[in-house]
N, C-alpha and C. Protein backbone atom coordinates (compact mmCIF):
# COMPACT_ATOMS: atom_id res chain seq x y z
N MET A 1 0.85 -1.19 0.00
CA MET A 1 0.00 0.00 0.00
C MET A 1 0.89 1.24 0.00
N THR A 2 0.57 2.20 -0.86
CA THR A 2 1.34 3.43 -1.00
C THR A 2 0.50 4.64 -0.62
N ALA A 3 1.00 5.46 0.26
CA ALA A 3 0.29 6.68 0.66
C ALA A 3 0.43 7.75 -0.41
N THR A 4 -0.60 8.56 -0.59
CA THR A 4 -0.57 9.68 -1.53
C THR A 4 -1.08 10.93 -0.83
N PRO A 5 -0.63 12.11 -1.22
CA PRO A 5 -1.07 13.36 -0.56
C PRO A 5 -2.44 13.81 -1.07
N THR A 6 -3.44 13.00 -0.85
CA THR A 6 -4.80 13.29 -1.31
C THR A 6 -5.78 13.16 -0.14
N PRO A 7 -6.87 13.94 -0.14
CA PRO A 7 -7.81 13.91 0.99
C PRO A 7 -8.65 12.64 0.99
N GLY A 8 -9.10 12.25 2.18
CA GLY A 8 -10.00 11.12 2.30
C GLY A 8 -11.33 11.39 1.63
N LYS A 9 -11.97 10.36 1.13
CA LYS A 9 -13.20 10.51 0.37
C LYS A 9 -14.36 11.03 1.21
N THR A 10 -14.31 10.82 2.52
CA THR A 10 -15.41 11.28 3.35
C THR A 10 -15.28 12.74 3.79
N LEU A 11 -14.15 13.37 3.49
CA LEU A 11 -13.98 14.78 3.83
C LEU A 11 -14.84 15.64 2.91
N LEU A 12 -15.43 16.69 3.48
CA LEU A 12 -16.30 17.57 2.71
C LEU A 12 -15.50 18.61 1.94
N SER A 13 -16.02 18.99 0.79
CA SER A 13 -15.48 20.12 0.04
C SER A 13 -16.66 21.01 -0.35
N PRO A 14 -16.42 22.27 -0.70
CA PRO A 14 -17.53 23.21 -0.89
C PRO A 14 -18.55 22.80 -1.94
N LYS A 15 -18.15 22.12 -2.98
CA LYS A 15 -19.06 21.85 -4.08
C LYS A 15 -19.66 20.45 -4.07
N ASP A 16 -19.36 19.64 -3.05
CA ASP A 16 -19.80 18.23 -3.10
C ASP A 16 -21.00 17.94 -2.20
N HIS A 17 -21.63 18.97 -1.61
CA HIS A 17 -22.74 18.71 -0.70
C HIS A 17 -23.72 19.86 -0.67
N THR A 18 -24.87 19.58 -0.12
CA THR A 18 -25.89 20.60 0.15
C THR A 18 -26.04 20.74 1.66
N LEU A 19 -26.03 21.97 2.15
CA LEU A 19 -26.25 22.27 3.55
C LEU A 19 -27.74 22.58 3.74
N ILE A 20 -28.39 21.90 4.69
CA ILE A 20 -29.81 22.11 4.94
C ILE A 20 -29.98 22.60 6.38
N LEU A 21 -30.42 23.83 6.54
CA LEU A 21 -30.59 24.46 7.84
C LEU A 21 -32.07 24.53 8.17
N ILE A 22 -32.44 23.92 9.31
CA ILE A 22 -33.84 23.62 9.60
C ILE A 22 -34.32 24.28 10.90
N ASP A 23 -35.35 25.08 10.81
CA ASP A 23 -36.12 25.55 11.97
C ASP A 23 -35.30 26.28 13.03
N PHE A 24 -34.34 27.08 12.60
CA PHE A 24 -33.64 27.97 13.53
C PHE A 24 -34.57 29.17 13.76
N GLN A 25 -35.55 28.98 14.62
CA GLN A 25 -36.60 29.97 14.83
C GLN A 25 -36.82 30.23 16.32
N SER A 26 -37.39 31.38 16.61
CA SER A 26 -37.53 31.83 18.00
C SER A 26 -38.26 30.82 18.86
N GLN A 27 -39.42 30.36 18.42
CA GLN A 27 -40.23 29.47 19.26
C GLN A 27 -39.49 28.17 19.56
N MET A 28 -38.73 27.69 18.59
CA MET A 28 -37.96 26.47 18.79
C MET A 28 -36.80 26.71 19.77
N ALA A 29 -36.22 27.91 19.71
CA ALA A 29 -35.07 28.22 20.56
C ALA A 29 -35.47 28.42 22.02
N PHE A 30 -36.69 28.90 22.26
CA PHE A 30 -37.12 29.18 23.63
C PHE A 30 -37.00 27.94 24.52
N ALA A 31 -37.34 26.78 24.00
CA ALA A 31 -37.35 25.56 24.80
C ALA A 31 -36.06 24.76 24.69
N THR A 32 -35.10 25.24 23.92
CA THR A 32 -33.84 24.52 23.74
C THR A 32 -32.98 24.67 24.99
N LYS A 33 -32.61 23.55 25.59
CA LYS A 33 -31.85 23.56 26.84
C LYS A 33 -30.52 22.82 26.75
N SER A 34 -30.28 22.07 25.68
CA SER A 34 -29.05 21.28 25.59
C SER A 34 -27.84 22.12 25.22
N ILE A 35 -28.07 23.34 24.75
CA ILE A 35 -26.99 24.24 24.38
C ILE A 35 -27.43 25.66 24.70
N ASP A 36 -26.53 26.49 25.18
CA ASP A 36 -26.84 27.88 25.46
C ASP A 36 -27.26 28.58 24.16
N THR A 37 -28.31 29.38 24.23
CA THR A 37 -28.85 30.01 23.02
C THR A 37 -27.83 30.92 22.35
N THR A 38 -27.02 31.60 23.12
CA THR A 38 -26.00 32.47 22.54
C THR A 38 -24.99 31.66 21.74
N LEU A 39 -24.56 30.52 22.29
CA LEU A 39 -23.62 29.65 21.58
C LEU A 39 -24.28 29.06 20.35
N LEU A 40 -25.54 28.68 20.46
CA LEU A 40 -26.27 28.14 19.31
C LEU A 40 -26.32 29.16 18.17
N ARG A 41 -26.65 30.40 18.50
CA ARG A 41 -26.72 31.44 17.47
C ARG A 41 -25.34 31.70 16.87
N ASN A 42 -24.31 31.67 17.71
CA ASN A 42 -22.94 31.84 17.24
C ASN A 42 -22.55 30.74 16.25
N ASN A 43 -22.88 29.50 16.59
CA ASN A 43 -22.53 28.38 15.72
C ASN A 43 -23.33 28.41 14.43
N ALA A 44 -24.58 28.85 14.53
CA ALA A 44 -25.40 29.00 13.32
C ALA A 44 -24.77 30.05 12.39
N ALA A 45 -24.29 31.14 12.98
CA ALA A 45 -23.62 32.18 12.18
C ALA A 45 -22.33 31.67 11.57
N LEU A 46 -21.59 30.88 12.34
CA LEU A 46 -20.32 30.33 11.86
C LEU A 46 -20.51 29.47 10.62
N ILE A 47 -21.44 28.52 10.69
CA ILE A 47 -21.61 27.63 9.53
C ILE A 47 -22.28 28.35 8.37
N SER A 48 -23.19 29.28 8.66
CA SER A 48 -23.89 29.99 7.59
C SER A 48 -22.94 30.90 6.81
N ASN A 49 -22.16 31.66 7.53
CA ASN A 49 -21.23 32.57 6.85
C ASN A 49 -20.11 31.81 6.17
N GLY A 50 -19.67 30.70 6.78
CA GLY A 50 -18.68 29.86 6.11
C GLY A 50 -19.22 29.27 4.84
N ALA A 51 -20.42 28.70 4.91
CA ALA A 51 -21.03 28.09 3.72
C ALA A 51 -21.26 29.12 2.63
N ALA A 52 -21.75 30.30 3.01
CA ALA A 52 -21.99 31.35 2.02
C ALA A 52 -20.67 31.77 1.37
N GLY A 53 -19.63 31.91 2.17
CA GLY A 53 -18.33 32.31 1.64
C GLY A 53 -17.74 31.31 0.68
N PHE A 54 -18.00 30.03 0.91
CA PHE A 54 -17.49 28.98 0.03
C PHE A 54 -18.44 28.66 -1.12
N GLY A 55 -19.59 29.30 -1.15
CA GLY A 55 -20.55 29.03 -2.21
C GLY A 55 -21.22 27.68 -2.12
N VAL A 56 -21.41 27.19 -0.90
CA VAL A 56 -22.07 25.89 -0.70
C VAL A 56 -23.55 26.00 -1.04
N SER A 57 -24.07 25.04 -1.77
CA SER A 57 -25.51 24.98 -2.02
C SER A 57 -26.23 24.83 -0.69
N THR A 58 -27.15 25.74 -0.40
CA THR A 58 -27.77 25.76 0.93
C THR A 58 -29.29 25.91 0.82
N ILE A 59 -29.99 25.12 1.62
CA ILE A 59 -31.44 25.20 1.70
C ILE A 59 -31.81 25.72 3.09
N LEU A 60 -32.64 26.73 3.15
CA LEU A 60 -33.12 27.29 4.41
C LEU A 60 -34.61 26.96 4.52
N THR A 61 -35.00 26.31 5.60
CA THR A 61 -36.40 25.92 5.74
C THR A 61 -36.90 26.19 7.15
N THR A 62 -38.15 26.59 7.23
CA THR A 62 -38.79 26.93 8.50
C THR A 62 -40.10 26.13 8.62
N VAL A 63 -40.65 26.12 9.84
CA VAL A 63 -41.95 25.50 10.06
C VAL A 63 -42.89 26.54 10.65
N ALA A 64 -44.06 26.72 10.02
CA ALA A 64 -45.08 27.66 10.50
C ALA A 64 -44.48 29.01 10.87
N GLU A 65 -43.71 29.58 9.96
CA GLU A 65 -42.99 30.82 10.27
C GLU A 65 -43.93 31.95 10.66
N LYS A 66 -44.99 32.16 9.91
CA LYS A 66 -45.88 33.30 10.14
C LYS A 66 -46.89 33.04 11.25
N SER A 67 -47.30 31.79 11.43
CA SER A 67 -48.41 31.50 12.34
C SER A 67 -47.99 31.08 13.74
N PHE A 68 -46.73 30.63 13.91
CA PHE A 68 -46.37 30.09 15.23
C PHE A 68 -44.90 30.24 15.60
N SER A 69 -43.99 29.76 14.76
CA SER A 69 -42.59 29.59 15.18
C SER A 69 -41.73 30.82 15.04
N GLY A 70 -42.15 31.79 14.24
CA GLY A 70 -41.39 33.02 14.11
C GLY A 70 -40.30 32.96 13.06
N PRO A 71 -39.57 34.07 12.88
CA PRO A 71 -38.58 34.17 11.82
C PRO A 71 -37.33 33.34 12.09
N MET A 72 -36.64 33.00 11.02
CA MET A 72 -35.35 32.32 11.14
C MET A 72 -34.32 33.28 11.71
N PHE A 73 -33.36 32.75 12.45
CA PHE A 73 -32.30 33.57 13.04
C PHE A 73 -31.69 34.50 11.98
N SER A 74 -31.54 35.76 12.35
CA SER A 74 -30.93 36.72 11.42
C SER A 74 -29.47 36.38 11.15
N GLU A 75 -28.83 35.67 12.09
CA GLU A 75 -27.44 35.25 11.86
C GLU A 75 -27.34 34.36 10.62
N ILE A 76 -28.42 33.67 10.29
CA ILE A 76 -28.45 32.82 9.10
C ILE A 76 -28.91 33.60 7.88
N THR A 77 -30.05 34.27 7.99
CA THR A 77 -30.60 34.95 6.83
C THR A 77 -29.71 36.09 6.34
N ASP A 78 -28.97 36.72 7.25
CA ASP A 78 -28.05 37.79 6.83
C ASP A 78 -26.92 37.24 5.95
N ALA A 79 -26.58 35.98 6.16
CA ALA A 79 -25.51 35.37 5.35
C ALA A 79 -25.99 35.00 3.94
N PHE A 80 -27.31 34.88 3.79
CA PHE A 80 -27.89 34.51 2.49
C PHE A 80 -28.96 35.53 2.09
N PRO A 81 -28.55 36.78 1.86
CA PRO A 81 -29.54 37.83 1.59
C PRO A 81 -30.38 37.52 0.35
N GLY A 82 -31.68 37.66 0.52
CA GLY A 82 -32.58 37.46 -0.61
C GLY A 82 -32.97 36.01 -0.87
N GLN A 83 -32.37 35.06 -0.17
CA GLN A 83 -32.71 33.66 -0.41
C GLN A 83 -34.06 33.33 0.22
N ALA A 84 -34.89 32.64 -0.55
CA ALA A 84 -36.22 32.27 -0.08
C ALA A 84 -36.13 31.23 1.02
N LEU A 85 -37.02 31.36 2.01
CA LEU A 85 -37.15 30.36 3.06
C LEU A 85 -38.30 29.43 2.67
N LEU A 86 -38.04 28.13 2.70
CA LEU A 86 -39.07 27.16 2.37
C LEU A 86 -39.84 26.81 3.63
N ASP A 87 -41.07 27.32 3.74
CA ASP A 87 -41.86 27.11 4.95
C ASP A 87 -42.69 25.84 4.81
N ARG A 88 -42.81 25.11 5.94
CA ARG A 88 -43.47 23.81 5.93
C ARG A 88 -44.55 23.74 7.01
N THR A 89 -45.36 22.68 6.92
CA THR A 89 -46.23 22.30 8.02
C THR A 89 -45.71 21.03 8.67
N SER A 90 -44.91 20.26 7.95
CA SER A 90 -44.42 18.97 8.44
C SER A 90 -43.27 19.14 9.41
N MET A 91 -43.26 18.35 10.49
CA MET A 91 -42.12 18.33 11.39
C MET A 91 -40.91 17.71 10.71
N ASN A 92 -41.13 16.71 9.86
CA ASN A 92 -40.06 16.08 9.10
C ASN A 92 -39.88 16.82 7.78
N THR A 93 -38.79 17.55 7.68
CA THR A 93 -38.50 18.32 6.47
C THR A 93 -38.56 17.45 5.22
N TRP A 94 -38.15 16.20 5.34
CA TRP A 94 -38.07 15.32 4.18
C TRP A 94 -39.45 14.97 3.62
N GLU A 95 -40.50 15.23 4.38
CA GLU A 95 -41.85 14.95 3.91
C GLU A 95 -42.50 16.16 3.25
N ASP A 96 -41.73 17.21 3.06
CA ASP A 96 -42.23 18.41 2.39
C ASP A 96 -41.83 18.39 0.92
N ALA A 97 -42.79 18.44 0.03
CA ALA A 97 -42.52 18.32 -1.40
C ALA A 97 -41.66 19.48 -1.92
N GLY A 98 -41.85 20.68 -1.36
CA GLY A 98 -41.07 21.82 -1.81
C GLY A 98 -39.60 21.68 -1.49
N VAL A 99 -39.30 21.19 -0.30
CA VAL A 99 -37.90 20.98 0.08
C VAL A 99 -37.27 19.89 -0.79
N ILE A 100 -37.98 18.80 -0.98
CA ILE A 100 -37.45 17.70 -1.79
C ILE A 100 -37.24 18.13 -3.24
N LYS A 101 -38.12 18.96 -3.73
CA LYS A 101 -37.93 19.49 -5.10
C LYS A 101 -36.61 20.25 -5.18
N GLU A 102 -36.29 21.02 -4.14
CA GLU A 102 -35.04 21.79 -4.12
C GLU A 102 -33.83 20.88 -3.97
N VAL A 103 -33.94 19.85 -3.11
CA VAL A 103 -32.86 18.87 -2.98
C VAL A 103 -32.56 18.23 -4.34
N ASN A 104 -33.60 17.85 -5.05
CA ASN A 104 -33.42 17.21 -6.36
C ASN A 104 -32.91 18.20 -7.40
N ARG A 105 -33.34 19.45 -7.33
CA ARG A 105 -32.85 20.46 -8.28
C ARG A 105 -31.34 20.67 -8.12
N ILE A 106 -30.89 20.76 -6.87
CA ILE A 106 -29.46 20.93 -6.62
C ILE A 106 -28.70 19.68 -7.02
N GLY A 107 -29.24 18.52 -6.67
CA GLY A 107 -28.70 17.27 -7.19
C GLY A 107 -27.46 16.71 -6.51
N LYS A 108 -27.22 17.07 -5.26
CA LYS A 108 -26.06 16.54 -4.54
C LYS A 108 -26.46 15.31 -3.72
N ASP A 109 -25.62 14.28 -3.75
CA ASP A 109 -25.90 13.05 -2.99
C ASP A 109 -25.42 13.13 -1.55
N ARG A 110 -24.67 14.15 -1.22
CA ARG A 110 -24.12 14.34 0.13
C ARG A 110 -24.82 15.52 0.77
N LEU A 111 -25.40 15.30 1.96
CA LEU A 111 -26.18 16.33 2.64
C LEU A 111 -25.64 16.58 4.04
N VAL A 112 -25.65 17.85 4.45
CA VAL A 112 -25.22 18.24 5.79
C VAL A 112 -26.39 18.95 6.46
N PHE A 113 -26.76 18.50 7.66
CA PHE A 113 -27.92 19.03 8.36
C PHE A 113 -27.53 19.74 9.65
N ALA A 114 -28.32 20.76 10.00
CA ALA A 114 -28.25 21.38 11.33
C ALA A 114 -29.58 22.05 11.60
N GLY A 115 -29.98 22.12 12.88
CA GLY A 115 -31.23 22.80 13.19
C GLY A 115 -31.80 22.41 14.54
N LEU A 116 -33.05 22.84 14.75
CA LEU A 116 -33.79 22.60 15.99
C LEU A 116 -35.09 21.86 15.67
N TRP A 117 -35.54 20.94 16.52
CA TRP A 117 -34.79 20.29 17.57
C TRP A 117 -34.13 19.04 17.03
N THR A 118 -33.05 18.60 17.68
CA THR A 118 -32.28 17.46 17.18
C THR A 118 -33.13 16.19 17.06
N SER A 119 -33.96 15.93 18.07
CA SER A 119 -34.67 14.65 18.13
C SER A 119 -35.90 14.59 17.23
N VAL A 120 -36.31 15.72 16.69
CA VAL A 120 -37.50 15.74 15.83
C VAL A 120 -37.13 16.27 14.44
N CYS A 121 -36.76 17.53 14.38
CA CYS A 121 -36.55 18.20 13.10
C CYS A 121 -35.27 17.78 12.39
N ILE A 122 -34.34 17.16 13.11
CA ILE A 122 -33.11 16.67 12.47
C ILE A 122 -33.15 15.16 12.29
N VAL A 123 -33.57 14.42 13.30
CA VAL A 123 -33.65 12.97 13.15
C VAL A 123 -34.56 12.58 11.99
N GLY A 124 -35.70 13.26 11.84
CA GLY A 124 -36.65 12.91 10.78
C GLY A 124 -36.04 12.93 9.39
N PRO A 125 -35.49 14.07 8.94
CA PRO A 125 -34.90 14.11 7.60
C PRO A 125 -33.63 13.29 7.46
N VAL A 126 -32.84 13.20 8.53
CA VAL A 126 -31.62 12.39 8.46
C VAL A 126 -31.98 10.92 8.23
N ALA A 127 -32.92 10.40 9.03
CA ALA A 127 -33.34 9.01 8.86
C ALA A 127 -33.91 8.78 7.47
N SER A 128 -34.68 9.73 6.99
CA SER A 128 -35.32 9.59 5.68
C SER A 128 -34.30 9.66 4.56
N ALA A 129 -33.35 10.58 4.65
CA ALA A 129 -32.33 10.72 3.61
C ALA A 129 -31.41 9.50 3.57
N VAL A 130 -31.00 9.03 4.73
CA VAL A 130 -30.16 7.83 4.79
C VAL A 130 -30.89 6.65 4.15
N ASP A 131 -32.18 6.52 4.45
CA ASP A 131 -32.98 5.42 3.92
C ASP A 131 -33.05 5.46 2.40
N GLN A 132 -32.95 6.66 1.83
CA GLN A 132 -33.03 6.82 0.38
C GLN A 132 -31.65 6.84 -0.29
N GLY A 133 -30.61 6.52 0.49
CA GLY A 133 -29.30 6.34 -0.10
C GLY A 133 -28.38 7.54 -0.09
N PHE A 134 -28.78 8.63 0.57
CA PHE A 134 -27.92 9.81 0.64
C PHE A 134 -26.84 9.62 1.70
N GLU A 135 -25.71 10.30 1.48
CA GLU A 135 -24.63 10.33 2.45
C GLU A 135 -24.86 11.54 3.35
N VAL A 136 -24.98 11.33 4.65
CA VAL A 136 -25.48 12.36 5.54
C VAL A 136 -24.49 12.71 6.65
N TYR A 137 -24.35 14.02 6.90
CA TYR A 137 -23.55 14.56 7.99
C TYR A 137 -24.45 15.43 8.86
N VAL A 138 -24.14 15.53 10.15
CA VAL A 138 -24.90 16.38 11.07
C VAL A 138 -23.93 17.24 11.86
N ILE A 139 -24.15 18.56 11.85
CA ILE A 139 -23.32 19.48 12.63
C ILE A 139 -23.95 19.56 14.02
N THR A 140 -23.46 18.75 14.93
CA THR A 140 -24.17 18.52 16.19
C THR A 140 -24.17 19.71 17.14
N ASP A 141 -23.15 20.57 17.09
CA ASP A 141 -23.16 21.72 17.99
C ASP A 141 -23.86 22.92 17.37
N ALA A 142 -24.49 22.72 16.23
CA ALA A 142 -25.41 23.70 15.66
C ALA A 142 -26.82 23.12 15.67
N CYS A 143 -27.04 22.16 16.56
CA CYS A 143 -28.36 21.59 16.83
C CYS A 143 -28.63 21.71 18.32
N GLY A 144 -29.88 21.62 18.70
CA GLY A 144 -30.21 21.67 20.11
C GLY A 144 -31.56 21.04 20.36
N ASP A 145 -31.82 20.72 21.64
CA ASP A 145 -33.07 20.05 21.99
C ASP A 145 -33.55 20.50 23.37
N ILE A 146 -34.68 19.97 23.78
CA ILE A 146 -35.30 20.40 25.03
C ILE A 146 -34.54 19.92 26.26
N SER A 147 -33.61 18.97 26.08
CA SER A 147 -32.75 18.52 27.17
C SER A 147 -31.48 17.93 26.58
N THR A 148 -30.45 17.84 27.41
CA THR A 148 -29.21 17.20 26.97
C THR A 148 -29.47 15.75 26.59
N GLU A 149 -30.31 15.09 27.39
CA GLU A 149 -30.67 13.69 27.10
C GLU A 149 -31.28 13.55 25.72
N ALA A 150 -32.23 14.42 25.39
CA ALA A 150 -32.91 14.34 24.10
C ALA A 150 -31.92 14.55 22.95
N HIS A 151 -31.03 15.52 23.10
CA HIS A 151 -30.04 15.79 22.06
C HIS A 151 -29.07 14.63 21.89
N GLU A 152 -28.53 14.14 22.99
CA GLU A 152 -27.53 13.07 22.91
C GLU A 152 -28.11 11.78 22.35
N ARG A 153 -29.34 11.43 22.79
CA ARG A 153 -29.94 10.21 22.26
C ARG A 153 -30.23 10.35 20.77
N ALA A 154 -30.61 11.55 20.35
CA ALA A 154 -30.88 11.78 18.93
C ALA A 154 -29.60 11.64 18.10
N VAL A 155 -28.50 12.20 18.60
CA VAL A 155 -27.23 12.08 17.89
C VAL A 155 -26.80 10.62 17.81
N GLU A 156 -26.93 9.90 18.92
CA GLU A 156 -26.59 8.47 18.91
C GLU A 156 -27.42 7.71 17.89
N ARG A 157 -28.71 8.00 17.85
CA ARG A 157 -29.60 7.32 16.90
C ARG A 157 -29.17 7.59 15.47
N MET A 158 -28.81 8.83 15.16
CA MET A 158 -28.40 9.16 13.79
C MET A 158 -27.08 8.50 13.42
N ILE A 159 -26.17 8.42 14.39
CA ILE A 159 -24.91 7.72 14.13
C ILE A 159 -25.17 6.25 13.85
N GLN A 160 -26.08 5.64 14.61
CA GLN A 160 -26.44 4.25 14.38
C GLN A 160 -27.02 4.05 12.98
N LEU A 161 -27.70 5.06 12.47
CA LEU A 161 -28.27 4.97 11.14
C LEU A 161 -27.22 5.16 10.04
N GLY A 162 -26.06 5.69 10.43
CA GLY A 162 -24.99 5.88 9.45
C GLY A 162 -24.60 7.32 9.18
N ALA A 163 -25.24 8.28 9.88
CA ALA A 163 -24.87 9.68 9.71
C ALA A 163 -23.54 9.96 10.38
N ARG A 164 -22.81 10.95 9.86
CA ARG A 164 -21.50 11.31 10.39
C ARG A 164 -21.61 12.63 11.16
N PRO A 165 -21.26 12.63 12.47
CA PRO A 165 -21.33 13.86 13.26
C PRO A 165 -20.10 14.73 13.06
N MET A 166 -20.28 16.03 13.17
CA MET A 166 -19.17 16.97 13.11
C MET A 166 -19.58 18.22 13.87
N THR A 167 -18.65 19.18 14.00
CA THR A 167 -18.95 20.42 14.71
C THR A 167 -18.81 21.62 13.78
N SER A 168 -19.25 22.77 14.26
CA SER A 168 -19.34 23.96 13.41
C SER A 168 -17.99 24.44 12.89
N LEU A 169 -17.04 24.63 13.80
CA LEU A 169 -15.72 25.09 13.37
C LEU A 169 -15.05 24.04 12.50
N GLN A 170 -15.22 22.78 12.86
CA GLN A 170 -14.68 21.69 12.04
C GLN A 170 -15.22 21.77 10.62
N TYR A 171 -16.52 22.05 10.48
CA TYR A 171 -17.14 22.15 9.16
C TYR A 171 -16.45 23.21 8.31
N VAL A 172 -16.29 24.40 8.86
CA VAL A 172 -15.70 25.49 8.09
C VAL A 172 -14.24 25.20 7.74
N LEU A 173 -13.47 24.71 8.71
CA LEU A 173 -12.06 24.43 8.46
C LEU A 173 -11.88 23.25 7.50
N GLU A 174 -12.81 22.31 7.52
CA GLU A 174 -12.73 21.20 6.58
C GLU A 174 -12.94 21.68 5.15
N LEU A 175 -13.78 22.70 4.97
CA LEU A 175 -13.99 23.24 3.62
C LEU A 175 -12.74 23.97 3.13
N GLN A 176 -12.02 24.64 4.04
CA GLN A 176 -10.77 25.31 3.66
C GLN A 176 -9.64 24.30 3.45
N ARG A 177 -9.36 23.56 4.48
CA ARG A 177 -8.46 22.40 4.52
C ARG A 177 -7.01 22.67 4.14
N ASP A 178 -6.71 23.71 3.44
CA ASP A 178 -5.33 24.05 3.09
C ASP A 178 -5.20 25.56 3.14
N TRP A 179 -4.34 26.06 4.03
CA TRP A 179 -4.20 27.51 4.18
C TRP A 179 -3.60 28.16 2.95
N ALA A 180 -3.04 27.37 2.06
CA ALA A 180 -2.48 27.92 0.83
C ALA A 180 -3.56 28.26 -0.19
N ARG A 181 -4.80 27.91 0.07
CA ARG A 181 -5.90 28.26 -0.83
C ARG A 181 -6.25 29.73 -0.60
N ALA A 182 -5.51 30.58 -1.30
CA ALA A 182 -5.54 32.02 -1.04
C ALA A 182 -6.90 32.64 -1.32
N GLU A 183 -7.66 32.07 -2.25
CA GLU A 183 -8.93 32.71 -2.63
C GLU A 183 -9.97 32.70 -1.51
N THR A 184 -9.83 31.78 -0.58
CA THR A 184 -10.79 31.73 0.54
C THR A 184 -10.11 31.93 1.90
N TYR A 185 -8.82 32.21 1.89
CA TYR A 185 -8.08 32.35 3.15
C TYR A 185 -8.64 33.48 4.02
N ASP A 186 -8.79 34.67 3.45
CA ASP A 186 -9.26 35.81 4.23
C ASP A 186 -10.68 35.60 4.73
N MET A 187 -11.51 35.00 3.89
CA MET A 187 -12.88 34.73 4.30
C MET A 187 -12.92 33.76 5.47
N THR A 188 -12.16 32.67 5.36
CA THR A 188 -12.16 31.65 6.42
C THR A 188 -11.64 32.21 7.73
N THR A 189 -10.52 32.91 7.70
CA THR A 189 -9.98 33.47 8.93
C THR A 189 -10.87 34.58 9.47
N GLY A 190 -11.54 35.31 8.57
CA GLY A 190 -12.46 36.35 9.01
C GLY A 190 -13.66 35.77 9.74
N VAL A 191 -14.22 34.68 9.21
CA VAL A 191 -15.33 33.99 9.87
C VAL A 191 -14.86 33.44 11.21
N ALA A 192 -13.66 32.87 11.24
CA ALA A 192 -13.12 32.30 12.48
C ALA A 192 -12.91 33.39 13.53
N LYS A 193 -12.39 34.53 13.12
CA LYS A 193 -12.14 35.62 14.08
C LYS A 193 -13.44 36.13 14.70
N LYS A 194 -14.50 36.14 13.91
CA LYS A 194 -15.77 36.70 14.40
C LYS A 194 -16.59 35.70 15.20
N TRP A 195 -16.59 34.44 14.76
CA TRP A 195 -17.47 33.45 15.40
C TRP A 195 -16.74 32.20 15.87
N GLY A 196 -15.42 32.16 15.78
CA GLY A 196 -14.66 30.95 16.10
C GLY A 196 -14.19 30.84 17.54
N GLY A 197 -14.78 31.62 18.44
CA GLY A 197 -14.45 31.49 19.85
C GLY A 197 -12.98 31.74 20.16
N ALA A 198 -12.42 30.91 21.04
CA ALA A 198 -11.03 31.07 21.45
C ALA A 198 -10.07 30.90 20.27
N TYR A 199 -10.43 30.02 19.34
CA TYR A 199 -9.58 29.86 18.15
C TYR A 199 -9.52 31.18 17.37
N GLY A 200 -10.68 31.83 17.25
CA GLY A 200 -10.70 33.11 16.54
C GLY A 200 -9.87 34.17 17.23
N LEU A 201 -9.89 34.17 18.57
CA LEU A 201 -9.04 35.10 19.31
C LEU A 201 -7.57 34.84 19.03
N GLY A 202 -7.23 33.56 18.93
CA GLY A 202 -5.85 33.20 18.63
C GLY A 202 -5.41 33.69 17.27
N VAL A 203 -6.30 33.57 16.29
CA VAL A 203 -6.00 34.07 14.94
C VAL A 203 -5.78 35.58 14.99
N THR A 204 -6.68 36.28 15.68
CA THR A 204 -6.57 37.74 15.80
C THR A 204 -5.25 38.13 16.47
N TYR A 205 -4.91 37.44 17.55
CA TYR A 205 -3.67 37.73 18.28
C TYR A 205 -2.45 37.52 17.40
N ALA A 206 -2.39 36.38 16.73
CA ALA A 206 -1.22 36.07 15.91
C ALA A 206 -1.03 37.07 14.78
N LYS A 207 -2.13 37.46 14.16
CA LYS A 207 -2.02 38.39 13.04
C LYS A 207 -1.67 39.80 13.52
N THR A 208 -2.25 40.19 14.67
CA THR A 208 -2.01 41.53 15.19
C THR A 208 -0.59 41.68 15.73
N MET A 209 -0.14 40.69 16.50
CA MET A 209 1.15 40.80 17.18
C MET A 209 2.32 40.46 16.29
N PHE A 210 2.15 39.51 15.40
CA PHE A 210 3.28 39.00 14.62
C PHE A 210 3.07 39.04 13.11
N GLY A 211 1.91 39.48 12.67
CA GLY A 211 1.62 39.43 11.24
C GLY A 211 1.63 38.03 10.70
N ALA A 212 1.28 37.06 11.56
CA ALA A 212 1.37 35.65 11.19
C ALA A 212 0.31 35.27 10.19
N SER A 213 0.62 34.28 9.34
CA SER A 213 -0.32 33.76 8.36
C SER A 213 -0.08 32.28 8.19
N GLU A 214 -1.15 31.47 8.29
CA GLU A 214 -1.00 30.04 8.22
C GLU A 214 -0.53 29.55 6.87
N GLY A 215 -0.74 30.38 5.85
CA GLY A 215 -0.40 29.94 4.49
C GLY A 215 1.05 30.14 4.11
N HIS A 216 1.86 30.67 5.01
CA HIS A 216 3.25 30.97 4.66
C HIS A 216 4.21 30.30 5.65
């Protein structure tokens, strides 16, 4: 066996998947207890701005936006100005014909999910997509549920079904993957500085104090 300097087939790249963001809405967030709401909004902003910067095909969907659940987080919609939100009545996004029409229009076999709540609004479409042969990833720290127990059991269930878990910062850095990719370097580090927590502070410190750059 001979090693080659090539990425593993399961690693994500900007053009090989569709990101589906589900029910990041006020009413859903009020009862979310498995993750602090501020951190949840931060992580939603991190993946949304990263995906937008890399040109990832993205679907934004809400449930009962006007009648009950309220608007989608501005941290998400601001990253995709003018993009239509696909509103549903179904708890399972995969059972909505409008969403599935968009999934088929985009035509990617690899899907990445995040949203509220993990045990209902994420498990439903993940289980359905896996059953139909799609390759599925879940950004677990950009999901939340009414309890830690509910979130953790939902993540375990999805892993058992074959979904691959990942985290928000991991998602963005996996899309960059090489600091020598100059066309997205400033965007990636800019997103990290704003929403990347302690890692973002480290980037800011290194650049400010030493003019450091990972690509050199």
